[in-house]
Amino acid sequence: RVVWGSDHPVVTKTGSLTRWVEASREIVKGASPDEQARLFHRN
């Protein structure tokens, strides 16, 4: 029941798209590939 969004360009007020994507991947890197796929596109 989770999806991922960039909120670009609001994300640039305190960072960047690149930093947000990298942070998101770092936070969920311990999850399984299937769980990550659900968050990032499948759901």
PDB file of all heavy atoms in Angstrom:
ATOM      1  N   ARG A   1       0.821  -1.222   0.000  1.00  0.00           N
ATOM      2  CA  ARG A   1       0.000   0.000   0.000  1.00  0.00           C
ATOM      3  C   ARG A   1       0.852   1.268   0.000  1.00  0.00           C
ATOM      4  O   ARG A   1       0.412   2.314   0.459  1.00  0.00           O
ATOM      5  CB  ARG A   1      -0.947  -0.010   1.209  1.00  0.00           C
ATOM      6  CG  ARG A   1      -1.992  -1.120   1.153  1.00  0.00           C
ATOM      7  CD  ARG A   1      -2.695  -1.287   2.498  1.00  0.00           C
ATOM      8  NE  ARG A   1      -3.335  -0.057   2.932  1.00  0.00           N
ATOM      9  CZ  ARG A   1      -3.595   0.208   4.225  1.00  0.00           C
ATOM     10  NH1 ARG A   1      -3.249  -0.625   5.186  1.00  0.00           N
ATOM     11  NH2 ARG A   1      -4.192   1.360   4.545  1.00  0.00           N
ATOM     12  N   VAL A   2       2.055   1.172  -0.528  1.00  0.00           N
ATOM     13  CA  VAL A   2       2.924   2.346  -0.617  1.00  0.00           C
ATOM     14  C   VAL A   2       3.377   2.550  -2.050  1.00  0.00           C
ATOM     15  O   VAL A   2       3.609   1.596  -2.792  1.00  0.00           O
ATOM     16  CB  VAL A   2       4.148   2.222   0.319  1.00  0.00           C
ATOM     17  CG1 VAL A   2       3.732   2.361   1.772  1.00  0.00           C
ATOM     18  CG2 VAL A   2       4.891   0.914   0.091  1.00  0.00           C
ATOM     19  N   VAL A   3       3.491   3.815  -2.445  1.00  0.00           N
ATOM     20  CA  VAL A   3       4.028   4.190  -3.757  1.00  0.00           C
ATOM     21  C   VAL A   3       5.089   5.256  -3.520  1.00  0.00           C
ATOM     22  O   VAL A   3       5.181   5.843  -2.436  1.00  0.00           O
ATOM     23  CB  VAL A   3       2.929   4.708  -4.705  1.00  0.00           C
ATOM     24  CG1 VAL A   3       1.891   3.634  -4.981  1.00  0.00           C
ATOM     25  CG2 VAL A   3       2.251   5.963  -4.146  1.00  0.00           C
ATOM     26  N   TRP A   4       5.873   5.533  -4.558  1.00  0.00           N
ATOM     27  CA  TRP A   4       6.963   6.511  -4.429  1.00  0.00           C
ATOM     28  C   TRP A   4       6.704   7.696  -5.359  1.00  0.00           C
ATOM     29  O   TRP A   4       6.222   7.527  -6.482  1.00  0.00           O
ATOM     30  CB  TRP A   4       8.294   5.862  -4.818  1.00  0.00           C
ATOM     31  CG  TRP A   4       9.494   6.748  -4.612  1.00  0.00           C
ATOM     32  CD1 TRP A   4      10.268   6.846  -3.490  1.00  0.00           C
ATOM     33  CD2 TRP A   4      10.050   7.673  -5.555  1.00  0.00           C
ATOM     34  NE1 TRP A   4      11.265   7.778  -3.671  1.00  0.00           N
ATOM     35  CE2 TRP A   4      11.162   8.304  -4.936  1.00  0.00           C
ATOM     36  CE3 TRP A   4       9.730   8.036  -6.862  1.00  0.00           C
ATOM     37  CZ2 TRP A   4      11.936   9.263  -5.577  1.00  0.00           C
ATOM     38  CZ3 TRP A   4      10.491   9.003  -7.507  1.00  0.00           C
ATOM     39  CH2 TRP A   4      11.589   9.600  -6.869  1.00  0.00           C
ATOM     40  N   GLY A   5       7.029   8.897  -4.873  1.00  0.00           N
ATOM     41  CA  GLY A   5       6.892  10.096  -5.701  1.00  0.00           C
ATOM     42  C   GLY A   5       8.049  11.052  -5.483  1.00  0.00           C
ATOM     43  O   GLY A   5       8.620  11.128  -4.385  1.00  0.00           O
ATOM     44  N   SER A   6       8.384  11.809  -6.514  1.00  0.00           N
ATOM     45  CA  SER A   6       9.513  12.735  -6.418  1.00  0.00           C
ATOM     46  C   SER A   6       9.132  14.072  -5.791  1.00  0.00           C
ATOM     47  O   SER A   6       9.938  14.719  -5.138  1.00  0.00           O
ATOM     48  CB  SER A   6      10.112  12.987  -7.801  1.00  0.00           C
ATOM     49  OG  SER A   6       9.249  13.806  -8.594  1.00  0.00           O
ATOM     50  N   ASP A   7       7.905  14.532  -6.027  1.00  0.00           N
ATOM     51  CA  ASP A   7       7.489  15.890  -5.680  1.00  0.00           C
ATOM     52  C   ASP A   7       8.400  16.926  -6.344  1.00  0.00           C
ATOM     53  O   ASP A   7       8.661  17.991  -5.784  1.00  0.00           O
ATOM     54  CB  ASP A   7       7.449  16.100  -4.164  1.00  0.00           C
ATOM     55  CG  ASP A   7       6.649  17.346  -3.765  1.00  0.00           C
ATOM     56  OD1 ASP A   7       5.749  17.733  -4.531  1.00  0.00           O
ATOM     57  OD2 ASP A   7       6.943  17.912  -2.698  1.00  0.00           O
ATOM     58  N   HIS A   8       8.866  16.620  -7.519  1.00  0.00           N
ATOM     59  CA  HIS A   8       9.680  17.568  -8.280  1.00  0.00           C
ATOM     60  C   HIS A   8       8.768  18.619  -8.916  1.00  0.00           C
ATOM     61  O   HIS A   8       7.698  18.276  -9.409  1.00  0.00           O
ATOM     62  CB  HIS A   8      10.436  16.813  -9.386  1.00  0.00           C
ATOM     63  CG  HIS A   8      11.481  17.629 -10.073  1.00  0.00           C
ATOM     64  ND1 HIS A   8      11.201  18.432 -11.154  1.00  0.00           N
ATOM     65  CD2 HIS A   8      12.798  17.787  -9.819  1.00  0.00           C
ATOM     66  CE1 HIS A   8      12.304  19.030 -11.540  1.00  0.00           C
ATOM     67  NE2 HIS A   8      13.291  18.667 -10.758  1.00  0.00           N
ATOM     68  N   PRO A   9       9.089  19.918  -8.860  1.00  0.00           N
ATOM     69  CA  PRO A   9      10.352  20.516  -8.433  1.00  0.00           C
ATOM     70  C   PRO A   9      10.398  20.982  -6.989  1.00  0.00           C
ATOM     71  O   PRO A   9      11.392  21.581  -6.572  1.00  0.00           O
ATOM     72  CB  PRO A   9      10.460  21.716  -9.361  1.00  0.00           C
ATOM     73  CG  PRO A   9       9.033  22.176  -9.500  1.00  0.00           C
ATOM     74  CD  PRO A   9       8.214  20.903  -9.539  1.00  0.00           C
ATOM     75  N   VAL A  10       9.330  20.728  -6.197  1.00  0.00           N
ATOM     76  CA  VAL A  10       9.353  21.162  -4.799  1.00  0.00           C
ATOM     77  C   VAL A  10      10.549  20.548  -4.068  1.00  0.00           C
ATOM     78  O   VAL A  10      11.121  21.150  -3.154  1.00  0.00           O
ATOM     79  CB  VAL A  10       8.026  20.799  -4.102  1.00  0.00           C
ATOM     80  CG1 VAL A  10       8.019  21.280  -2.654  1.00  0.00           C
ATOM     81  CG2 VAL A  10       6.839  21.406  -4.852  1.00  0.00           C
ATOM     82  N   VAL A  11      10.954  19.362  -4.511  1.00  0.00           N
ATOM     83  CA  VAL A  11      12.094  18.677  -3.912  1.00  0.00           C
ATOM     84  C   VAL A  11      13.369  19.508  -3.994  1.00  0.00           C
ATOM     85  O   VAL A  11      14.294  19.343  -3.182  1.00  0.00           O
ATOM     86  CB  VAL A  11      12.270  17.295  -4.591  1.00  0.00           C
ATOM     87  CG1 VAL A  11      12.802  17.442  -5.984  1.00  0.00           C
ATOM     88  CG2 VAL A  11      13.168  16.376  -3.785  1.00  0.00           C
ATOM     89  N   THR A  12      13.445  20.429  -4.945  1.00  0.00           N
ATOM     90  CA  THR A  12      14.665  21.223  -5.117  1.00  0.00           C
ATOM     91  C   THR A  12      14.806  22.320  -4.064  1.00  0.00           C
ATOM     92  O   THR A  12      15.876  22.932  -3.955  1.00  0.00           O
ATOM     93  CB  THR A  12      14.711  21.863  -6.513  1.00  0.00           C
ATOM     94  OG1 THR A  12      13.645  22.818  -6.644  1.00  0.00           O
ATOM     95  CG2 THR A  12      14.595  20.818  -7.607  1.00  0.00           C
ATOM     96  N   LYS A  13      13.778  22.567  -3.270  1.00  0.00           N
ATOM     97  CA  LYS A  13      13.862  23.619  -2.254  1.00  0.00           C
ATOM     98  C   LYS A  13      14.873  23.266  -1.167  1.00  0.00           C
ATOM     99  O   LYS A  13      15.510  24.156  -0.590  1.00  0.00           O
ATOM    100  CB  LYS A  13      12.487  23.863  -1.625  1.00  0.00           C
ATOM    101  CG  LYS A  13      11.471  24.464  -2.574  1.00  0.00           C
ATOM    102  CD  LYS A  13      10.112  24.626  -1.921  1.00  0.00           C
ATOM    103  CE  LYS A  13      10.105  25.685  -0.848  1.00  0.00           C
ATOM    104  NZ  LYS A  13       8.740  25.902  -0.297  1.00  0.00           N
ATOM    105  N   THR A  14      15.021  21.996  -0.869  1.00  0.00           N
ATOM    106  CA  THR A  14      15.960  21.569   0.178  1.00  0.00           C
ATOM    107  C   THR A  14      16.864  20.441  -0.299  1.00  0.00           C
ATOM    108  O   THR A  14      17.445  19.735   0.527  1.00  0.00           O
ATOM    109  CB  THR A  14      15.205  21.104   1.437  1.00  0.00           C
ATOM    110  OG1 THR A  14      14.272  20.083   1.074  1.00  0.00           O
ATOM    111  CG2 THR A  14      14.466  22.252   2.102  1.00  0.00           C
ATOM    112  N   GLY A  15      16.953  20.236  -1.592  1.00  0.00           N
ATOM    113  CA  GLY A  15      17.792  19.158  -2.097  1.00  0.00           C
ATOM    114  C   GLY A  15      17.705  19.087  -3.610  1.00  0.00           C
ATOM    115  O   GLY A  15      17.724  20.098  -4.291  1.00  0.00           O
ATOM    116  N   SER A  16      17.578  17.876  -4.106  1.00  0.00           N
ATOM    117  CA  SER A  16      17.476  17.670  -5.546  1.00  0.00           C
ATOM    118  C   SER A  16      16.789  16.338  -5.792  1.00  0.00           C
ATOM    119  O   SER A  16      16.671  15.496  -4.889  1.00  0.00           O
ATOM    120  CB  SER A  16      18.864  17.649  -6.200  1.00  0.00           C
ATOM    121  OG  SER A  16      19.598  16.497  -5.781  1.00  0.00           O
ATOM    122  N   LEU A  17      16.348  16.151  -7.012  1.00  0.00           N
ATOM    123  CA  LEU A  17      15.776  14.867  -7.393  1.00  0.00           C
ATOM    124  C   LEU A  17      16.782  13.746  -7.161  1.00  0.00           C
ATOM    125  O   LEU A  17      16.435  12.685  -6.622  1.00  0.00           O
ATOM    126  CB  LEU A  17      15.350  14.907  -8.861  1.00  0.00           C
ATOM    127  CG  LEU A  17      14.808  13.608  -9.458  1.00  0.00           C
ATOM    128  CD1 LEU A  17      13.539  13.167  -8.756  1.00  0.00           C
ATOM    129  CD2 LEU A  17      14.582  13.771 -10.961  1.00  0.00           C
ATOM    130  N   THR A  18      18.010  13.973  -7.555  1.00  0.00           N
ATOM    131  CA  THR A  18      19.041  12.937  -7.410  1.00  0.00           C
ATOM    132  C   THR A  18      19.239  12.556  -5.949  1.00  0.00           C
ATOM    133  O   THR A  18      19.281  11.360  -5.606  1.00  0.00           O
ATOM    134  CB  THR A  18      20.367  13.428  -8.009  1.00  0.00           C
ATOM    135  OG1 THR A  18      20.188  13.654  -9.411  1.00  0.00           O
ATOM    136  CG2 THR A  18      21.474  12.408  -7.812  1.00  0.00           C
ATOM    137  N   ARG A  19      19.334  13.534  -5.071  1.00  0.00           N
ATOM    138  CA  ARG A  19      19.532  13.235  -3.651  1.00  0.00           C
ATOM    139  C   ARG A  19      18.349  12.481  -3.061  1.00  0.00           C
ATOM    140  O   ARG A  19      18.519  11.577  -2.240  1.00  0.00           O
ATOM    141  CB  ARG A  19      19.754  14.520  -2.859  1.00  0.00           C
ATOM    142  CG  ARG A  19      21.133  15.145  -3.014  1.00  0.00           C
ATOM    143  CD  ARG A  19      21.308  16.285  -2.027  1.00  0.00           C
ATOM    144  NE  ARG A  19      21.339  15.796  -0.645  1.00  0.00           N
ATOM    145  CZ  ARG A  19      21.115  16.567   0.423  1.00  0.00           C
ATOM    146  NH1 ARG A  19      20.818  17.857   0.265  1.00  0.00           N
ATOM    147  NH2 ARG A  19      21.170  16.063   1.649  1.00  0.00           N
ATOM    148  N   TRP A  20      17.128  12.820  -3.481  1.00  0.00           N
ATOM    149  CA  TRP A  20      15.948  12.155  -2.944  1.00  0.00           C
ATOM    150  C   TRP A  20      15.876  10.705  -3.421  1.00  0.00           C
ATOM    151  O   TRP A  20      15.573   9.803  -2.645  1.00  0.00           O
ATOM    152  CB  TRP A  20      14.694  12.927  -3.326  1.00  0.00           C
ATOM    153  CG  TRP A  20      13.390  12.257  -3.029  1.00  0.00           C
ATOM    154  CD1 TRP A  20      12.349  12.116  -3.898  1.00  0.00           C
ATOM    155  CD2 TRP A  20      12.957  11.656  -1.794  1.00  0.00           C
ATOM    156  NE1 TRP A  20      11.300  11.462  -3.296  1.00  0.00           N
ATOM    157  CE2 TRP A  20      11.651  11.169  -2.007  1.00  0.00           C
ATOM    158  CE3 TRP A  20      13.561  11.466  -0.565  1.00  0.00           C
ATOM    159  CZ2 TRP A  20      10.924  10.506  -1.007  1.00  0.00           C
ATOM    160  CZ3 TRP A  20      12.838  10.804   0.449  1.00  0.00           C
ATOM    161  CH2 TRP A  20      11.540  10.337   0.221  1.00  0.00           C
ATOM    162  N   VAL A  21      16.177  10.469  -4.688  1.00  0.00           N
ATOM    163  CA  VAL A  21      16.190   9.091  -5.189  1.00  0.00           C
ATOM    164  C   VAL A  21      17.266   8.284  -4.470  1.00  0.00           C
ATOM    165  O   VAL A  21      17.020   7.144  -4.026  1.00  0.00           O
ATOM    166  CB  VAL A  21      16.421   9.066  -6.712  1.00  0.00           C
ATOM    167  CG1 VAL A  21      16.656   7.629  -7.187  1.00  0.00           C
ATOM    168  CG2 VAL A  21      15.229   9.666  -7.443  1.00  0.00           C
ATOM    169  N   GLU A  22      18.444   8.841  -4.335  1.00  0.00           N
ATOM    170  CA  GLU A  22      19.530   8.115  -3.665  1.00  0.00           C
ATOM    171  C   GLU A  22      19.185   7.823  -2.207  1.00  0.00           C
ATOM    172  O   GLU A  22      19.445   6.718  -1.709  1.00  0.00           O
ATOM    173  CB  GLU A  22      20.826   8.927  -3.752  1.00  0.00           C
ATOM    174  CG  GLU A  22      21.398   8.995  -5.163  1.00  0.00           C
ATOM    175  CD  GLU A  22      22.603   9.923  -5.260  1.00  0.00           C
ATOM    176  OE1 GLU A  22      22.829  10.705  -4.306  1.00  0.00           O
ATOM    177  OE2 GLU A  22      23.312   9.862  -6.285  1.00  0.00           O
ATOM    178  N   ALA A  23      18.573   8.782  -1.524  1.00  0.00           N
ATOM    179  CA  ALA A  23      18.173   8.562  -0.134  1.00  0.00           C
ATOM    180  C   ALA A  23      17.096   7.487  -0.028  1.00  0.00           C
ATOM    181  O   ALA A  23      17.143   6.634   0.870  1.00  0.00           O
ATOM    182  CB  ALA A  23      17.680   9.876   0.476  1.00  0.00           C
ATOM    183  N   SER A  24      16.133   7.531  -0.939  1.00  0.00           N
ATOM    184  CA  SER A  24      15.061   6.527  -0.925  1.00  0.00           C
ATOM    185  C   SER A  24      15.622   5.128  -1.113  1.00  0.00           C
ATOM    186  O   SER A  24      15.251   4.188  -0.396  1.00  0.00           O
ATOM    187  CB  SER A  24      14.036   6.835  -2.016  1.00  0.00           C
ATOM    188  OG  SER A  24      13.448   8.102  -1.835  1.00  0.00           O
ATOM    189  N   ARG A  25      16.516   4.977  -2.064  1.00  0.00           N
ATOM    190  CA  ARG A  25      17.124   3.662  -2.315  1.00  0.00           C
ATOM    191  C   ARG A  25      17.947   3.206  -1.113  1.00  0.00           C
ATOM    192  O   ARG A  25      17.925   2.019  -0.761  1.00  0.00           O
ATOM    193  CB  ARG A  25      17.993   3.727  -3.570  1.00  0.00           C
ATOM    194  CG  ARG A  25      17.221   3.917  -4.878  1.00  0.00           C
ATOM    195  CD  ARG A  25      18.147   3.710  -6.074  1.00  0.00           C
ATOM    196  NE  ARG A  25      17.529   4.010  -7.341  1.00  0.00           N
ATOM    197  CZ  ARG A  25      16.733   3.176  -8.031  1.00  0.00           C
ATOM    198  NH1 ARG A  25      16.444   1.984  -7.544  1.00  0.00           N
ATOM    199  NH2 ARG A  25      16.240   3.548  -9.214  1.00  0.00           N
ATOM    200  N   GLU A  26      18.646   4.127  -0.477  1.00  0.00           N
ATOM    201  CA  GLU A  26      19.453   3.774   0.687  1.00  0.00           C
ATOM    202  C   GLU A  26      18.572   3.297   1.839  1.00  0.00           C
ATOM    203  O   GLU A  26      18.899   2.313   2.522  1.00  0.00           O
ATOM    204  CB  GLU A  26      20.290   4.981   1.118  1.00  0.00           C
ATOM    205  CG  GLU A  26      21.104   4.780   2.377  1.00  0.00           C
ATOM    206  CD  GLU A  26      22.218   3.759   2.242  1.00  0.00           C
ATOM    207  OE1 GLU A  26      22.633   3.461   1.088  1.00  0.00           O
ATOM    208  OE2 GLU A  26      22.668   3.241   3.280  1.00  0.00           O
ATOM    209  N   ILE A  27      17.454   3.968   2.061  1.00  0.00           N
ATOM    210  CA  ILE A  27      16.573   3.618   3.178  1.00  0.00           C
ATOM    211  C   ILE A  27      15.989   2.220   3.022  1.00  0.00           C
ATOM    212  O   ILE A  27      15.826   1.484   3.996  1.00  0.00           O
ATOM    213  CB  ILE A  27      15.458   4.668   3.327  1.00  0.00           C
ATOM    214  CG1 ILE A  27      16.064   6.002   3.808  1.00  0.00           C
ATOM    215  CG2 ILE A  27      14.372   4.210   4.285  1.00  0.00           C
ATOM    216  CD1 ILE A  27      15.120   7.178   3.721  1.00  0.00           C
ATOM    217  N   VAL A  28      15.677   1.813   1.794  1.00  0.00           N
ATOM    218  CA  VAL A  28      15.020   0.517   1.585  1.00  0.00           C
ATOM    219  C   VAL A  28      15.959  -0.544   1.028  1.00  0.00           C
ATOM    220  O   VAL A  28      15.511  -1.612   0.607  1.00  0.00           O
ATOM    221  CB  VAL A  28      13.789   0.657   0.664  1.00  0.00           C
ATOM    222  CG1 VAL A  28      12.791   1.633   1.253  1.00  0.00           C
ATOM    223  CG2 VAL A  28      14.191   1.078  -0.748  1.00  0.00           C
ATOM    224  N   LYS A  29      17.257  -0.292   1.084  1.00  0.00           N
ATOM    225  CA  LYS A  29      18.186  -1.245   0.462  1.00  0.00           C
ATOM    226  C   LYS A  29      18.170  -2.611   1.136  1.00  0.00           C
ATOM    227  O   LYS A  29      18.542  -3.616   0.517  1.00  0.00           O
ATOM    228  CB  LYS A  29      19.598  -0.679   0.432  1.00  0.00           C
ATOM    229  CG  LYS A  29      20.294  -0.595   1.776  1.00  0.00           C
ATOM    230  CD  LYS A  29      21.717  -0.069   1.610  1.00  0.00           C
ATOM    231  CE  LYS A  29      22.466  -0.048   2.945  1.00  0.00           C
ATOM    232  NZ  LYS A  29      23.842   0.479   2.774  1.00  0.00           N
ATOM    233  N   GLY A  30      17.736  -2.682   2.376  1.00  0.00           N
ATOM    234  CA  GLY A  30      17.653  -3.968   3.061  1.00  0.00           C
ATOM    235  C   GLY A  30      16.411  -4.768   2.732  1.00  0.00           C
ATOM    236  O   GLY A  30      16.299  -5.938   3.112  1.00  0.00           O
ATOM    237  N   ALA A  31      15.473  -4.157   2.012  1.00  0.00           N
ATOM    238  CA  ALA A  31      14.254  -4.864   1.613  1.00  0.00           C
ATOM    239  C   ALA A  31      14.549  -5.785   0.438  1.00  0.00           C
ATOM    240  O   ALA A  31      15.544  -5.623  -0.269  1.00  0.00           O
ATOM    241  CB  ALA A  31      13.169  -3.854   1.238  1.00  0.00           C
ATOM    242  N   SER A  32      13.671  -6.737   0.212  1.00  0.00           N
ATOM    243  CA  SER A  32      13.861  -7.670  -0.899  1.00  0.00           C
ATOM    244  C   SER A  32      13.631  -6.959  -2.225  1.00  0.00           C
ATOM    245  O   SER A  32      12.964  -5.913  -2.274  1.00  0.00           O
ATOM    246  CB  SER A  32      12.881  -8.830  -0.778  1.00  0.00           C
ATOM    247  OG  SER A  32      11.552  -8.394  -1.047  1.00  0.00           O
ATOM    248  N   PRO A  33      14.168  -7.499  -3.307  1.00  0.00           N
ATOM    249  CA  PRO A  33      13.901  -6.901  -4.630  1.00  0.00           C
ATOM    250  C   PRO A  33      12.410  -6.793  -4.921  1.00  0.00           C
ATOM    251  O   PRO A  33      11.959  -5.815  -5.534  1.00  0.00           O
ATOM    252  CB  PRO A  33      14.607  -7.848  -5.597  1.00  0.00           C
ATOM    253  CG  PRO A  33      15.719  -8.441  -4.791  1.00  0.00           C
ATOM    254  CD  PRO A  33      15.158  -8.593  -3.401  1.00  0.00           C
ATOM    255  N   ASP A  34      11.630  -7.781  -4.490  1.00  0.00           N
ATOM    256  CA  ASP A  34      10.184  -7.738  -4.720  1.00  0.00           C
ATOM    257  C   ASP A  34       9.548  -6.591  -3.956  1.00  0.00           C
ATOM    258  O   ASP A  34       8.691  -5.873  -4.494  1.00  0.00           O
ATOM    259  CB  ASP A  34       9.550  -9.064  -4.307  1.00  0.00           C
ATOM    260  CG  ASP A  34       8.047  -9.062  -4.496  1.00  0.00           C
ATOM    261  OD1 ASP A  34       7.582  -9.035  -5.649  1.00  0.00           O
ATOM    262  OD2 ASP A  34       7.314  -9.068  -3.481  1.00  0.00           O
ATOM    263  N   GLU A  35       9.948  -6.385  -2.705  1.00  0.00           N
ATOM    264  CA  GLU A  35       9.400  -5.283  -1.917  1.00  0.00           C
ATOM    265  C   GLU A  35       9.785  -3.939  -2.520  1.00  0.00           C
ATOM    266  O   GLU A  35       8.946  -3.024  -2.603  1.00  0.00           O
ATOM    267  CB  GLU A  35       9.900  -5.398  -0.479  1.00  0.00           C
ATOM    268  CG  GLU A  35       9.282  -6.562   0.279  1.00  0.00           C
ATOM    269  CD  GLU A  35       9.967  -6.851   1.598  1.00  0.00           C
ATOM    270  OE1 GLU A  35      11.183  -6.535   1.740  1.00  0.00           O
ATOM    271  OE2 GLU A  35       9.304  -7.418   2.488  1.00  0.00           O
ATOM    272  N   GLN A  36      11.015  -3.805  -2.944  1.00  0.00           N
ATOM    273  CA  GLN A  36      11.437  -2.562  -3.566  1.00  0.00           C
ATOM    274  C   GLN A  36      10.673  -2.300  -4.863  1.00  0.00           C
ATOM    275  O   GLN A  36      10.300  -1.164  -5.152  1.00  0.00           O
ATOM    276  CB  GLN A  36      12.939  -2.592  -3.835  1.00  0.00           C
ATOM    277  CG  GLN A  36      13.788  -2.604  -2.572  1.00  0.00           C
ATOM    278  CD  GLN A  36      15.271  -2.554  -2.875  1.00  0.00           C
ATOM    279  OE1 GLN A  36      15.726  -1.777  -3.708  1.00  0.00           O
ATOM    280  NE2 GLN A  36      16.050  -3.385  -2.199  1.00  0.00           N
ATOM    281  N   ALA A  37      10.422  -3.343  -5.637  1.00  0.00           N
ATOM    282  CA  ALA A  37       9.669  -3.188  -6.884  1.00  0.00           C
ATOM    283  C   ALA A  37       8.246  -2.725  -6.601  1.00  0.00           C
ATOM    284  O   ALA A  37       7.679  -1.911  -7.351  1.00  0.00           O
ATOM    285  CB  ALA A  37       9.662  -4.500  -7.660  1.00  0.00           C
ATOM    286  N   ARG A  38       7.655  -3.210  -5.513  1.00  0.00           N
ATOM    287  CA  ARG A  38       6.312  -2.782  -5.158  1.00  0.00           C
ATOM    288  C   ARG A  38       6.279  -1.283  -4.830  1.00  0.00           C
ATOM    289  O   ARG A  38       5.370  -0.565  -5.252  1.00  0.00           O
ATOM    290  CB  ARG A  38       5.791  -3.595  -3.973  1.00  0.00           C
ATOM    291  CG  ARG A  38       5.286  -4.986  -4.369  1.00  0.00           C
ATOM    292  CD  ARG A  38       4.718  -5.726  -3.188  1.00  0.00           C
ATOM    293  NE  ARG A  38       5.691  -6.664  -2.628  1.00  0.00           N
ATOM    294  CZ  ARG A  38       5.488  -7.377  -1.516  1.00  0.00           C
ATOM    295  NH1 ARG A  38       4.355  -7.229  -0.838  1.00  0.00           N
ATOM    296  NH2 ARG A  38       6.400  -8.210  -1.072  1.00  0.00           N
ATOM    297  N   LEU A  39       7.265  -0.832  -4.075  1.00  0.00           N
ATOM    298  CA  LEU A  39       7.319   0.582  -3.719  1.00  0.00           C
ATOM    299  C   LEU A  39       7.573   1.459  -4.937  1.00  0.00           C
ATOM    300  O   LEU A  39       6.889   2.468  -5.140  1.00  0.00           O
ATOM    301  CB  LEU A  39       8.433   0.811  -2.687  1.00  0.00           C
ATOM    302  CG  LEU A  39       8.791   2.282  -2.396  1.00  0.00           C
ATOM    303  CD1 LEU A  39       7.621   3.000  -1.741  1.00  0.00           C
ATOM    304  CD2 LEU A  39      10.047   2.373  -1.527  1.00  0.00           C
ATOM    305  N   PHE A  40       8.533   1.089  -5.761  1.00  0.00           N
ATOM    306  CA  PHE A  40       9.011   1.986  -6.806  1.00  0.00           C
ATOM    307  C   PHE A  40       8.202   1.948  -8.100  1.00  0.00           C
ATOM    308  O   PHE A  40       8.254   2.902  -8.868  1.00  0.00           O
ATOM    309  CB  PHE A  40      10.482   1.716  -7.105  1.00  0.00           C
ATOM    310  CG  PHE A  40      11.419   2.216  -6.034  1.00  0.00           C
ATOM    311  CD1 PHE A  40      12.264   1.352  -5.367  1.00  0.00           C
ATOM    312  CD2 PHE A  40      11.439   3.557  -5.688  1.00  0.00           C
ATOM    313  CE1 PHE A  40      13.136   1.818  -4.385  1.00  0.00           C
ATOM    314  CE2 PHE A  40      12.299   4.035  -4.708  1.00  0.00           C
ATOM    315  CZ  PHE A  40      13.145   3.159  -4.048  1.00  0.00           C
ATOM    316  N   HIS A  41       7.449   0.875  -8.355  1.00  0.00           N
ATOM    317  CA  HIS A  41       6.632   0.919  -9.571  1.00  0.00           C
ATOM    318  C   HIS A  41       5.414   0.002  -9.554  1.00  0.00           C
ATOM    319  O   HIS A  41       4.371   0.360 -10.092  1.00  0.00           O
ATOM    320  CB  HIS A  41       7.477   0.615 -10.820  1.00  0.00           C
ATOM    321  CG  HIS A  41       8.086  -0.755 -10.871  1.00  0.00           C
ATOM    322  ND1 HIS A  41       7.414  -1.838 -11.402  1.00  0.00           N
ATOM    323  CD2 HIS A  41       9.299  -1.210 -10.475  1.00  0.00           C
ATOM    324  CE1 HIS A  41       8.197  -2.907 -11.342  1.00  0.00           C
ATOM    325  NE2 HIS A  41       9.341  -2.551 -10.771  1.00  0.00           N
ATOM    326  N   ARG A  42       5.519  -1.171  -8.934  1.00  0.00           N
ATOM    327  CA  ARG A  42       4.449  -2.153  -9.115  1.00  0.00           C
ATOM    328  C   ARG A  42       3.142  -1.723  -8.466  1.00  0.00           C
ATOM    329  O   ARG A  42       2.058  -1.860  -9.058  1.00  0.00           O
ATOM    330  CB  ARG A  42       4.899  -3.514  -8.574  1.00  0.00           C
ATOM    331  CG  ARG A  42       3.993  -4.662  -9.024  1.00  0.00           C
ATOM    332  CD  ARG A  42       4.533  -5.991  -8.539  1.00  0.00           C
ATOM    333  NE  ARG A  42       5.887  -6.232  -9.063  1.00  0.00           N
ATOM    334  CZ  ARG A  42       6.770  -7.046  -8.470  1.00  0.00           C
ATOM    335  NH1 ARG A  42       6.476  -7.638  -7.331  1.00  0.00           N
ATOM    336  NH2 ARG A  42       7.959  -7.229  -9.029  1.00  0.00           N
ATOM    337  N   ASN A  43       3.196  -1.201  -7.239  1.00  0.00           N
ATOM    338  CA  ASN A  43       1.964  -0.755  -6.583  1.00  0.00           C
ATOM    339  C   ASN A  43       1.315   0.406  -7.326  1.00  0.00           C
ATOM    340  O   ASN A  43       0.091   0.480  -7.436  1.00  0.00           O
ATOM    341  CB  ASN A  43       2.250  -0.335  -5.138  1.00  0.00           C
ATOM    342  CG  ASN A  43       2.601  -1.484  -4.231  1.00  0.00           C
ATOM    343  OD1 ASN A  43       2.363  -2.655  -4.571  1.00  0.00           O
ATOM    344  ND2 ASN A  43       3.207  -1.188  -3.101  1.00  0.00           N
TER     345      ASN A  43
END
